[in-house]
N, C-alpha and C. Protein backbone atom coordinates (compact mmCIF):
# COMPACT_ATOMS: atom_id res chain seq x y z
N MET A 1 -15.10 -0.64 -4.55
CA MET A 1 -14.57 -0.10 -5.78
C MET A 1 -15.66 -0.10 -6.86
N GLU A 2 -15.86 1.04 -7.51
CA GLU A 2 -16.86 1.15 -8.56
C GLU A 2 -16.34 0.49 -9.83
N LYS A 3 -17.21 -0.29 -10.48
CA LYS A 3 -16.82 -0.99 -11.70
C LYS A 3 -16.86 -0.03 -12.88
N GLN A 4 -15.86 -0.15 -13.76
CA GLN A 4 -15.78 0.65 -14.98
C GLN A 4 -16.53 -0.08 -16.08
N ILE A 5 -17.10 0.66 -17.00
CA ILE A 5 -17.76 0.05 -18.15
C ILE A 5 -16.72 -0.08 -19.25
N ILE A 6 -16.63 -1.30 -19.78
CA ILE A 6 -15.71 -1.60 -20.87
C ILE A 6 -16.54 -2.18 -22.01
N GLY A 7 -16.10 -1.97 -23.23
CA GLY A 7 -16.83 -2.49 -24.38
C GLY A 7 -16.47 -3.94 -24.69
N ARG A 8 -17.00 -4.43 -25.80
CA ARG A 8 -16.77 -5.83 -26.18
C ARG A 8 -15.37 -6.06 -26.74
N VAL A 9 -14.72 -4.98 -27.19
CA VAL A 9 -13.31 -5.04 -27.63
C VAL A 9 -12.63 -3.76 -27.17
N ASP A 10 -11.30 -3.83 -27.04
CA ASP A 10 -10.54 -2.64 -26.67
C ASP A 10 -9.09 -2.84 -27.09
N LYS A 11 -8.34 -1.76 -27.07
CA LYS A 11 -6.90 -1.82 -27.34
C LYS A 11 -6.22 -1.59 -25.99
N ILE A 12 -5.38 -2.55 -25.60
CA ILE A 12 -4.77 -2.49 -24.27
C ILE A 12 -3.26 -2.68 -24.37
N ASP A 13 -2.57 -2.36 -23.28
CA ASP A 13 -1.11 -2.43 -23.25
C ASP A 13 -0.63 -3.48 -22.25
N PHE A 14 0.44 -4.17 -22.61
CA PHE A 14 1.13 -5.12 -21.74
C PHE A 14 2.58 -4.66 -21.64
N PRO A 15 2.88 -3.70 -20.74
CA PRO A 15 4.23 -3.10 -20.71
C PRO A 15 5.35 -4.10 -20.44
N LYS A 16 5.12 -5.09 -19.58
CA LYS A 16 6.19 -6.06 -19.28
C LYS A 16 6.49 -6.97 -20.47
N LEU A 17 5.54 -7.05 -21.41
CA LEU A 17 5.74 -7.87 -22.61
C LEU A 17 6.15 -7.01 -23.80
N ASP A 18 6.25 -5.70 -23.58
CA ASP A 18 6.59 -4.73 -24.62
C ASP A 18 5.57 -4.78 -25.77
N LEU A 19 4.29 -4.92 -25.41
CA LEU A 19 3.20 -4.96 -26.38
C LEU A 19 2.23 -3.82 -26.07
N PHE A 20 1.97 -2.98 -27.08
CA PHE A 20 1.14 -1.80 -26.87
C PHE A 20 0.07 -1.69 -27.95
N HIS A 21 -1.09 -1.15 -27.57
CA HIS A 21 -2.25 -0.99 -28.48
C HIS A 21 -2.64 -2.34 -29.09
N ILE A 22 -2.77 -3.33 -28.24
CA ILE A 22 -3.09 -4.68 -28.68
C ILE A 22 -4.61 -4.88 -28.67
N ASP A 23 -5.14 -5.37 -29.78
CA ASP A 23 -6.57 -5.64 -29.88
C ASP A 23 -6.95 -6.80 -28.96
N ALA A 24 -7.94 -6.57 -28.11
CA ALA A 24 -8.38 -7.59 -27.17
C ALA A 24 -9.89 -7.76 -27.24
N LYS A 25 -10.32 -8.99 -27.21
CA LYS A 25 -11.75 -9.30 -27.13
C LYS A 25 -12.09 -9.49 -25.66
N ILE A 26 -13.10 -8.78 -25.20
CA ILE A 26 -13.57 -8.91 -23.82
C ILE A 26 -14.61 -10.02 -23.85
N ASP A 27 -14.30 -11.15 -23.26
CA ASP A 27 -15.10 -12.36 -23.43
C ASP A 27 -15.62 -12.88 -22.09
N THR A 28 -16.88 -12.56 -21.78
CA THR A 28 -17.47 -13.00 -20.52
C THR A 28 -17.78 -14.50 -20.54
N GLY A 29 -17.68 -15.12 -21.70
CA GLY A 29 -17.89 -16.56 -21.79
C GLY A 29 -16.64 -17.36 -21.43
N ALA A 30 -15.50 -16.69 -21.42
CA ALA A 30 -14.23 -17.35 -21.09
C ALA A 30 -13.88 -17.08 -19.64
N TYR A 31 -13.38 -18.08 -18.95
CA TYR A 31 -12.96 -17.88 -17.57
C TYR A 31 -11.57 -17.25 -17.52
N THR A 32 -10.62 -17.83 -18.26
CA THR A 32 -9.24 -17.34 -18.22
C THR A 32 -8.97 -16.37 -19.36
N SER A 33 -7.93 -15.60 -19.23
CA SER A 33 -7.47 -14.70 -20.28
C SER A 33 -6.35 -15.39 -21.05
N ALA A 34 -6.27 -15.10 -22.33
CA ALA A 34 -5.26 -15.75 -23.17
C ALA A 34 -4.60 -14.73 -24.07
N ILE A 35 -3.33 -15.00 -24.41
CA ILE A 35 -2.59 -14.14 -25.32
C ILE A 35 -1.90 -15.01 -26.36
N HIS A 36 -1.84 -14.49 -27.59
CA HIS A 36 -1.20 -15.23 -28.67
C HIS A 36 0.31 -15.29 -28.45
N CYS A 37 0.85 -16.47 -28.59
CA CYS A 37 2.29 -16.69 -28.47
C CYS A 37 2.69 -17.60 -29.63
N SER A 38 3.59 -17.14 -30.49
CA SER A 38 3.92 -17.91 -31.68
C SER A 38 4.95 -19.01 -31.43
N GLU A 39 5.76 -18.85 -30.40
CA GLU A 39 6.77 -19.88 -30.11
C GLU A 39 7.03 -19.93 -28.61
N ILE A 40 7.00 -21.15 -28.07
CA ILE A 40 7.26 -21.35 -26.65
C ILE A 40 8.39 -22.37 -26.53
N ILE A 41 9.43 -21.99 -25.79
CA ILE A 41 10.57 -22.88 -25.57
C ILE A 41 10.85 -22.94 -24.07
N VAL A 42 10.99 -24.15 -23.54
CA VAL A 42 11.38 -24.32 -22.15
C VAL A 42 12.86 -24.69 -22.14
N GLU A 43 13.66 -23.86 -21.47
CA GLU A 43 15.09 -24.13 -21.34
C GLU A 43 15.43 -24.12 -19.86
N GLY A 44 15.68 -25.29 -19.32
CA GLY A 44 15.95 -25.39 -17.88
C GLY A 44 14.74 -24.95 -17.10
N GLU A 45 14.91 -23.93 -16.28
CA GLU A 45 13.82 -23.39 -15.46
C GLU A 45 13.14 -22.18 -16.10
N LYS A 46 13.55 -21.83 -17.30
CA LYS A 46 13.04 -20.62 -17.95
C LYS A 46 12.08 -20.96 -19.09
N LEU A 47 11.09 -20.07 -19.27
CA LEU A 47 10.13 -20.19 -20.36
C LEU A 47 10.38 -19.02 -21.31
N LYS A 48 10.71 -19.34 -22.57
CA LYS A 48 10.97 -18.30 -23.56
C LYS A 48 9.79 -18.24 -24.53
N CYS A 49 9.21 -17.06 -24.65
CA CYS A 49 8.03 -16.87 -25.48
C CYS A 49 8.29 -15.81 -26.54
N THR A 50 7.90 -16.10 -27.77
CA THR A 50 8.00 -15.13 -28.85
C THR A 50 6.60 -14.65 -29.18
N PHE A 51 6.41 -13.35 -29.10
CA PHE A 51 5.12 -12.75 -29.38
C PHE A 51 5.18 -12.14 -30.79
N TYR A 52 4.80 -12.96 -31.78
CA TYR A 52 4.81 -12.52 -33.17
C TYR A 52 3.56 -13.03 -33.87
N SER A 53 2.99 -12.19 -34.71
CA SER A 53 1.86 -12.60 -35.53
C SER A 53 1.83 -11.72 -36.77
N LYS A 54 1.82 -12.35 -37.93
CA LYS A 54 1.78 -11.62 -39.19
C LYS A 54 0.51 -10.78 -39.29
N GLY A 55 -0.58 -11.29 -38.77
CA GLY A 55 -1.86 -10.59 -38.86
C GLY A 55 -2.06 -9.49 -37.82
N HIS A 56 -1.16 -9.40 -36.85
CA HIS A 56 -1.29 -8.40 -35.79
C HIS A 56 0.02 -7.62 -35.70
N PRO A 57 0.08 -6.47 -36.37
CA PRO A 57 1.35 -5.74 -36.51
C PRO A 57 2.01 -5.29 -35.21
N ASN A 58 1.26 -5.15 -34.14
CA ASN A 58 1.87 -4.71 -32.88
C ASN A 58 2.56 -5.85 -32.14
N PHE A 59 2.45 -7.06 -32.66
CA PHE A 59 3.21 -8.20 -32.12
C PHE A 59 4.53 -8.23 -32.87
N SER A 60 5.56 -7.67 -32.28
CA SER A 60 6.82 -7.36 -32.95
C SER A 60 7.74 -8.56 -33.19
N GLY A 61 7.53 -9.65 -32.49
CA GLY A 61 8.44 -10.78 -32.62
C GLY A 61 9.47 -10.81 -31.51
N LYS A 62 9.31 -9.94 -30.53
CA LYS A 62 10.25 -9.90 -29.41
C LYS A 62 10.07 -11.15 -28.55
N GLN A 63 11.19 -11.69 -28.10
CA GLN A 63 11.16 -12.84 -27.19
C GLN A 63 11.21 -12.33 -25.75
N VAL A 64 10.36 -12.89 -24.91
CA VAL A 64 10.31 -12.54 -23.50
C VAL A 64 10.60 -13.79 -22.70
N VAL A 65 11.45 -13.66 -21.67
CA VAL A 65 11.84 -14.80 -20.84
C VAL A 65 11.16 -14.68 -19.48
N PHE A 66 10.56 -15.78 -19.05
CA PHE A 66 9.88 -15.83 -17.75
C PHE A 66 10.61 -16.80 -16.83
N ASP A 67 10.92 -16.33 -15.62
CA ASP A 67 11.51 -17.19 -14.60
C ASP A 67 10.44 -17.98 -13.87
N SER A 68 9.24 -17.42 -13.85
CA SER A 68 8.14 -18.04 -13.12
C SER A 68 6.97 -18.27 -14.07
N TYR A 69 6.45 -19.49 -14.07
CA TYR A 69 5.31 -19.85 -14.91
C TYR A 69 4.71 -21.14 -14.37
N SER A 70 3.55 -21.47 -14.87
CA SER A 70 2.90 -22.73 -14.47
C SER A 70 2.17 -23.29 -15.68
N LYS A 71 1.48 -24.39 -15.49
CA LYS A 71 0.65 -24.98 -16.54
C LYS A 71 -0.75 -25.14 -15.96
N THR A 72 -1.75 -25.01 -16.83
CA THR A 72 -3.13 -25.14 -16.39
C THR A 72 -3.97 -25.73 -17.50
N ASP A 73 -5.05 -26.40 -17.13
CA ASP A 73 -5.99 -26.93 -18.12
C ASP A 73 -7.01 -25.86 -18.45
N VAL A 74 -7.26 -25.68 -19.75
CA VAL A 74 -8.24 -24.71 -20.23
C VAL A 74 -9.21 -25.45 -21.13
N LYS A 75 -10.51 -25.27 -20.85
CA LYS A 75 -11.53 -25.90 -21.68
C LYS A 75 -12.11 -24.87 -22.62
N SER A 76 -12.08 -25.16 -23.92
CA SER A 76 -12.60 -24.22 -24.91
C SER A 76 -14.13 -24.31 -24.98
N SER A 77 -14.72 -23.39 -25.72
CA SER A 77 -16.18 -23.36 -25.83
C SER A 77 -16.75 -24.61 -26.49
N ASN A 78 -15.93 -25.31 -27.27
CA ASN A 78 -16.42 -26.55 -27.88
C ASN A 78 -16.15 -27.78 -27.01
N GLY A 79 -15.67 -27.55 -25.79
CA GLY A 79 -15.47 -28.65 -24.84
C GLY A 79 -14.10 -29.29 -24.88
N TYR A 80 -13.24 -28.87 -25.78
CA TYR A 80 -11.90 -29.43 -25.90
C TYR A 80 -11.02 -28.91 -24.77
N LYS A 81 -10.34 -29.81 -24.06
CA LYS A 81 -9.47 -29.42 -22.96
C LYS A 81 -8.01 -29.39 -23.44
N GLU A 82 -7.31 -28.31 -23.08
CA GLU A 82 -5.93 -28.13 -23.50
C GLU A 82 -5.09 -27.73 -22.28
N ASN A 83 -3.89 -28.29 -22.17
CA ASN A 83 -2.97 -27.92 -21.09
C ASN A 83 -2.06 -26.83 -21.62
N ARG A 84 -2.12 -25.63 -21.01
CA ARG A 84 -1.37 -24.48 -21.50
C ARG A 84 -0.43 -23.93 -20.43
N PHE A 85 0.60 -23.25 -20.91
CA PHE A 85 1.46 -22.49 -20.02
C PHE A 85 0.69 -21.26 -19.55
N LYS A 86 0.94 -20.86 -18.30
CA LYS A 86 0.31 -19.67 -17.74
C LYS A 86 1.39 -18.78 -17.16
N ILE A 87 1.29 -17.49 -17.48
CA ILE A 87 2.25 -16.52 -16.98
C ILE A 87 1.50 -15.43 -16.20
N LYS A 88 2.25 -14.72 -15.37
CA LYS A 88 1.71 -13.55 -14.67
C LYS A 88 2.34 -12.32 -15.32
N SER A 89 1.51 -11.32 -15.58
CA SER A 89 2.03 -10.11 -16.19
C SER A 89 1.20 -8.92 -15.70
N GLU A 90 1.30 -7.83 -16.44
CA GLU A 90 0.53 -6.63 -16.12
C GLU A 90 -0.15 -6.13 -17.38
N VAL A 91 -1.34 -5.55 -17.21
CA VAL A 91 -2.09 -4.97 -18.31
C VAL A 91 -2.52 -3.56 -17.90
N ILE A 92 -2.52 -2.66 -18.86
CA ILE A 92 -2.98 -1.29 -18.60
C ILE A 92 -4.30 -1.08 -19.33
N ILE A 93 -5.33 -0.78 -18.53
CA ILE A 93 -6.66 -0.47 -19.05
C ILE A 93 -7.15 0.76 -18.29
N PHE A 94 -7.69 1.74 -19.02
CA PHE A 94 -8.12 3.01 -18.41
C PHE A 94 -6.98 3.65 -17.61
N ASP A 95 -5.77 3.59 -18.16
CA ASP A 95 -4.58 4.19 -17.54
C ASP A 95 -4.29 3.65 -16.15
N LYS A 96 -4.78 2.47 -15.85
CA LYS A 96 -4.50 1.84 -14.56
C LYS A 96 -3.83 0.49 -14.84
N THR A 97 -2.81 0.17 -14.06
CA THR A 97 -2.08 -1.08 -14.23
C THR A 97 -2.66 -2.13 -13.30
N TYR A 98 -2.98 -3.29 -13.89
CA TYR A 98 -3.53 -4.43 -13.15
C TYR A 98 -2.63 -5.64 -13.34
N LYS A 99 -2.58 -6.50 -12.37
CA LYS A 99 -1.93 -7.80 -12.51
C LYS A 99 -2.91 -8.70 -13.27
N ILE A 100 -2.36 -9.57 -14.13
CA ILE A 100 -3.21 -10.46 -14.91
C ILE A 100 -2.51 -11.80 -15.12
N ASN A 101 -3.28 -12.87 -15.06
CA ASN A 101 -2.81 -14.21 -15.44
C ASN A 101 -3.21 -14.43 -16.89
N LEU A 102 -2.25 -14.87 -17.69
CA LEU A 102 -2.50 -15.11 -19.12
C LEU A 102 -2.07 -16.52 -19.49
N THR A 103 -2.93 -17.23 -20.18
CA THR A 103 -2.50 -18.51 -20.74
C THR A 103 -1.94 -18.22 -22.13
N LEU A 104 -0.96 -19.01 -22.55
CA LEU A 104 -0.32 -18.83 -23.84
C LEU A 104 -0.96 -19.76 -24.85
N SER A 105 -1.37 -19.21 -25.97
CA SER A 105 -2.09 -19.98 -26.96
C SER A 105 -1.74 -19.49 -28.36
N THR A 106 -1.86 -20.37 -29.33
CA THR A 106 -1.70 -19.96 -30.73
C THR A 106 -3.04 -19.43 -31.20
N ARG A 107 -3.10 -18.12 -31.42
CA ARG A 107 -4.34 -17.48 -31.83
C ARG A 107 -4.19 -16.84 -33.21
N ASP A 108 -3.28 -17.35 -34.03
CA ASP A 108 -3.05 -16.79 -35.36
C ASP A 108 -4.31 -16.75 -36.22
N ASP A 109 -5.16 -17.75 -36.07
CA ASP A 109 -6.38 -17.83 -36.87
C ASP A 109 -7.52 -17.00 -36.29
N MET A 110 -7.29 -16.39 -35.14
CA MET A 110 -8.33 -15.62 -34.47
C MET A 110 -8.22 -14.14 -34.85
N LYS A 111 -9.34 -13.45 -34.83
CA LYS A 111 -9.35 -12.01 -35.14
C LYS A 111 -8.61 -11.21 -34.08
N PHE A 112 -8.72 -11.65 -32.82
CA PHE A 112 -8.10 -10.93 -31.71
C PHE A 112 -6.99 -11.77 -31.09
N PRO A 113 -5.78 -11.19 -30.95
CA PRO A 113 -4.67 -11.93 -30.37
C PRO A 113 -4.77 -12.10 -28.86
N VAL A 114 -5.67 -11.34 -28.23
CA VAL A 114 -5.84 -11.41 -26.77
C VAL A 114 -7.31 -11.58 -26.45
N LEU A 115 -7.56 -12.44 -25.50
CA LEU A 115 -8.91 -12.67 -24.99
C LEU A 115 -8.87 -12.38 -23.49
N ILE A 116 -9.74 -11.50 -23.02
CA ILE A 116 -9.80 -11.16 -21.60
C ILE A 116 -11.04 -11.84 -21.00
N GLY A 117 -10.81 -12.72 -20.03
CA GLY A 117 -11.88 -13.52 -19.46
C GLY A 117 -12.40 -13.03 -18.11
N ARG A 118 -13.40 -13.75 -17.61
CA ARG A 118 -14.09 -13.38 -16.37
C ARG A 118 -13.19 -13.30 -15.16
N GLN A 119 -12.21 -14.17 -15.06
CA GLN A 119 -11.32 -14.16 -13.90
C GLN A 119 -10.70 -12.78 -13.71
N PHE A 120 -10.31 -12.14 -14.80
CA PHE A 120 -9.73 -10.79 -14.71
C PHE A 120 -10.81 -9.73 -14.56
N LEU A 121 -11.90 -9.85 -15.29
CA LEU A 121 -12.95 -8.82 -15.31
C LEU A 121 -13.70 -8.68 -13.99
N SER A 122 -13.81 -9.79 -13.26
CA SER A 122 -14.62 -9.83 -12.05
C SER A 122 -14.24 -8.74 -11.05
N LYS A 123 -15.24 -8.06 -10.55
CA LYS A 123 -15.13 -7.02 -9.52
C LYS A 123 -14.46 -5.73 -10.02
N LYS A 124 -14.10 -5.67 -11.32
CA LYS A 124 -13.46 -4.47 -11.86
C LYS A 124 -14.25 -3.81 -12.98
N PHE A 125 -14.89 -4.63 -13.82
CA PHE A 125 -15.51 -4.10 -15.04
C PHE A 125 -16.91 -4.66 -15.27
N LEU A 126 -17.73 -3.84 -15.92
CA LEU A 126 -19.01 -4.26 -16.49
C LEU A 126 -18.86 -4.16 -18.00
N VAL A 127 -19.35 -5.15 -18.73
CA VAL A 127 -19.17 -5.17 -20.17
C VAL A 127 -20.45 -4.69 -20.86
N ASP A 128 -20.30 -3.64 -21.68
CA ASP A 128 -21.39 -3.13 -22.50
C ASP A 128 -21.08 -3.56 -23.93
N VAL A 129 -21.84 -4.53 -24.45
CA VAL A 129 -21.54 -5.09 -25.76
C VAL A 129 -21.80 -4.12 -26.91
N ASP A 130 -22.47 -3.00 -26.63
CA ASP A 130 -22.69 -1.99 -27.66
C ASP A 130 -21.50 -1.04 -27.81
N GLU A 131 -20.54 -1.14 -26.92
CA GLU A 131 -19.38 -0.24 -26.93
C GLU A 131 -18.12 -0.97 -27.38
N GLN A 132 -17.16 -0.19 -27.86
CA GLN A 132 -15.83 -0.74 -28.15
C GLN A 132 -14.76 0.33 -28.01
N ASP A 133 -13.57 -0.11 -27.66
CA ASP A 133 -12.40 0.75 -27.48
C ASP A 133 -12.63 1.88 -26.48
N VAL A 134 -13.41 1.64 -25.44
CA VAL A 134 -13.73 2.67 -24.45
C VAL A 134 -12.47 3.16 -23.75
N SER A 135 -11.65 2.26 -23.27
CA SER A 135 -10.41 2.63 -22.59
C SER A 135 -9.45 3.34 -23.54
N PHE A 136 -9.31 2.80 -24.74
CA PHE A 136 -8.39 3.36 -25.72
C PHE A 136 -8.82 4.77 -26.13
N LYS A 137 -10.12 4.98 -26.37
CA LYS A 137 -10.63 6.31 -26.76
C LYS A 137 -10.41 7.31 -25.63
N LYS A 138 -10.61 6.88 -24.39
CA LYS A 138 -10.39 7.77 -23.26
C LYS A 138 -8.92 8.19 -23.19
N LYS A 139 -8.04 7.23 -23.43
CA LYS A 139 -6.60 7.49 -23.40
C LYS A 139 -6.20 8.49 -24.50
N GLN A 140 -6.83 8.36 -25.68
CA GLN A 140 -6.52 9.22 -26.81
C GLN A 140 -7.00 10.65 -26.60
N SER A 141 -8.04 10.81 -25.78
CA SER A 141 -8.61 12.14 -25.57
C SER A 141 -7.89 12.94 -24.50
N ILE A 142 -6.96 12.30 -23.79
CA ILE A 142 -6.23 13.00 -22.71
C ILE A 142 -5.12 13.85 -23.28
């Protein structure tokens, strides 16, 4: 499979989460991918997540319920280790739907509500740091 060139940032869609045109940072320094989640509630066997952020208007505040989830340790760039919930979802980039693992994190203070890491990028994309919104611009031109 030929790798697509993606820029350092892009606008991507998460149809199963009802999130569209979401700003994402393509981060080759991060192993896992993360998405901003403002509220996480565990009720019995279900994980309820609210995707809301005042600073990111496409995060509508809709609650999504997951029957399947796990927890994983994530080490940040400053060496701090955090145990986070991890969900499986789908992402659309270049009009193609991919499966993706996302850790849930509070990213309110971050410029980008989504971080796409190496685990997802591997074998699919090459990152050109001089480019941005490559997938989104291609989608707009169709």
